[in-house]
Amino acid sequence: MQKFEYKIVRIKGTGENAHRVLNELGQQGWELVQVVWGSWHYFKRPIEL
């Protein structure tokens, strides 16, 4: 069974700042799961066992 770790990040602003932060997290292996109220971003990534 695969396990995941989760992260919640508040990204203020739009455009270039959000784009930069999302790309950095994606390069670290985080997958965007949900956005709530336009600024809270929920991520997950598999845990290496």
Protein backbone atom coordinates (compact mmCIF):
# COMPACT_ATOMS: atom_id res chain seq x y z
CA MET A 1 0.00 0.00 0.00
CA GLN A 2 1.40 3.38 -0.97
CA LYS A 3 1.57 6.10 1.68
CA PHE A 4 1.65 9.85 1.21
CA GLU A 5 2.82 12.91 3.07
CA TYR A 6 0.77 16.09 2.88
CA LYS A 7 1.53 19.79 2.90
CA ILE A 8 -0.67 22.89 3.08
CA VAL A 9 0.75 26.14 1.69
CA ARG A 10 -0.78 29.59 1.57
CA ILE A 11 0.25 31.33 -1.64
CA LYS A 12 -0.53 35.03 -1.59
CA GLY A 13 -0.99 36.91 -4.81
CA THR A 14 -1.41 35.61 -8.32
CA GLY A 15 0.52 35.45 -11.53
CA GLU A 16 4.30 35.26 -11.38
CA ASN A 17 4.59 34.62 -7.62
CA ALA A 18 2.09 31.76 -7.60
CA HIS A 19 3.61 30.32 -10.77
CA ARG A 20 7.11 30.31 -9.23
CA VAL A 21 5.98 28.68 -5.96
CA LEU A 22 3.91 26.01 -7.73
CA ASN A 23 6.79 25.14 -10.06
CA GLU A 24 9.24 24.85 -7.14
CA LEU A 25 6.91 22.50 -5.25
CA GLY A 26 6.31 20.44 -8.39
CA GLN A 27 10.06 19.99 -8.89
CA GLN A 28 10.28 18.71 -5.31
CA GLY A 29 7.70 16.02 -6.14
CA TRP A 30 4.59 17.64 -4.63
CA GLU A 31 1.30 17.11 -6.47
CA LEU A 32 -1.40 19.78 -6.19
CA VAL A 33 -4.58 18.22 -4.82
CA GLN A 34 -6.91 21.14 -4.03
CA VAL A 35 -7.12 24.92 -3.77
CA VAL A 36 -9.41 26.43 -1.11
CA TRP A 37 -10.48 30.09 -0.97
CA GLY A 38 -8.00 30.93 -3.70
CA SER A 39 -4.91 30.97 -1.48
CA TRP A 40 -4.67 27.68 0.48
CA HIS A 41 -3.05 24.98 -1.66
CA TYR A 42 -3.08 21.33 -0.57
CA PHE A 43 -0.31 19.04 -1.85
CA LYS A 44 0.68 15.40 -1.50
CA ARG A 45 3.66 13.25 -2.50
CA PRO A 46 4.47 9.57 -2.08
CA ILE A 47 6.62 8.48 0.84
CA GLU A 48 9.59 6.29 -0.01
CA LEU A 49 9.38 3.15 2.15
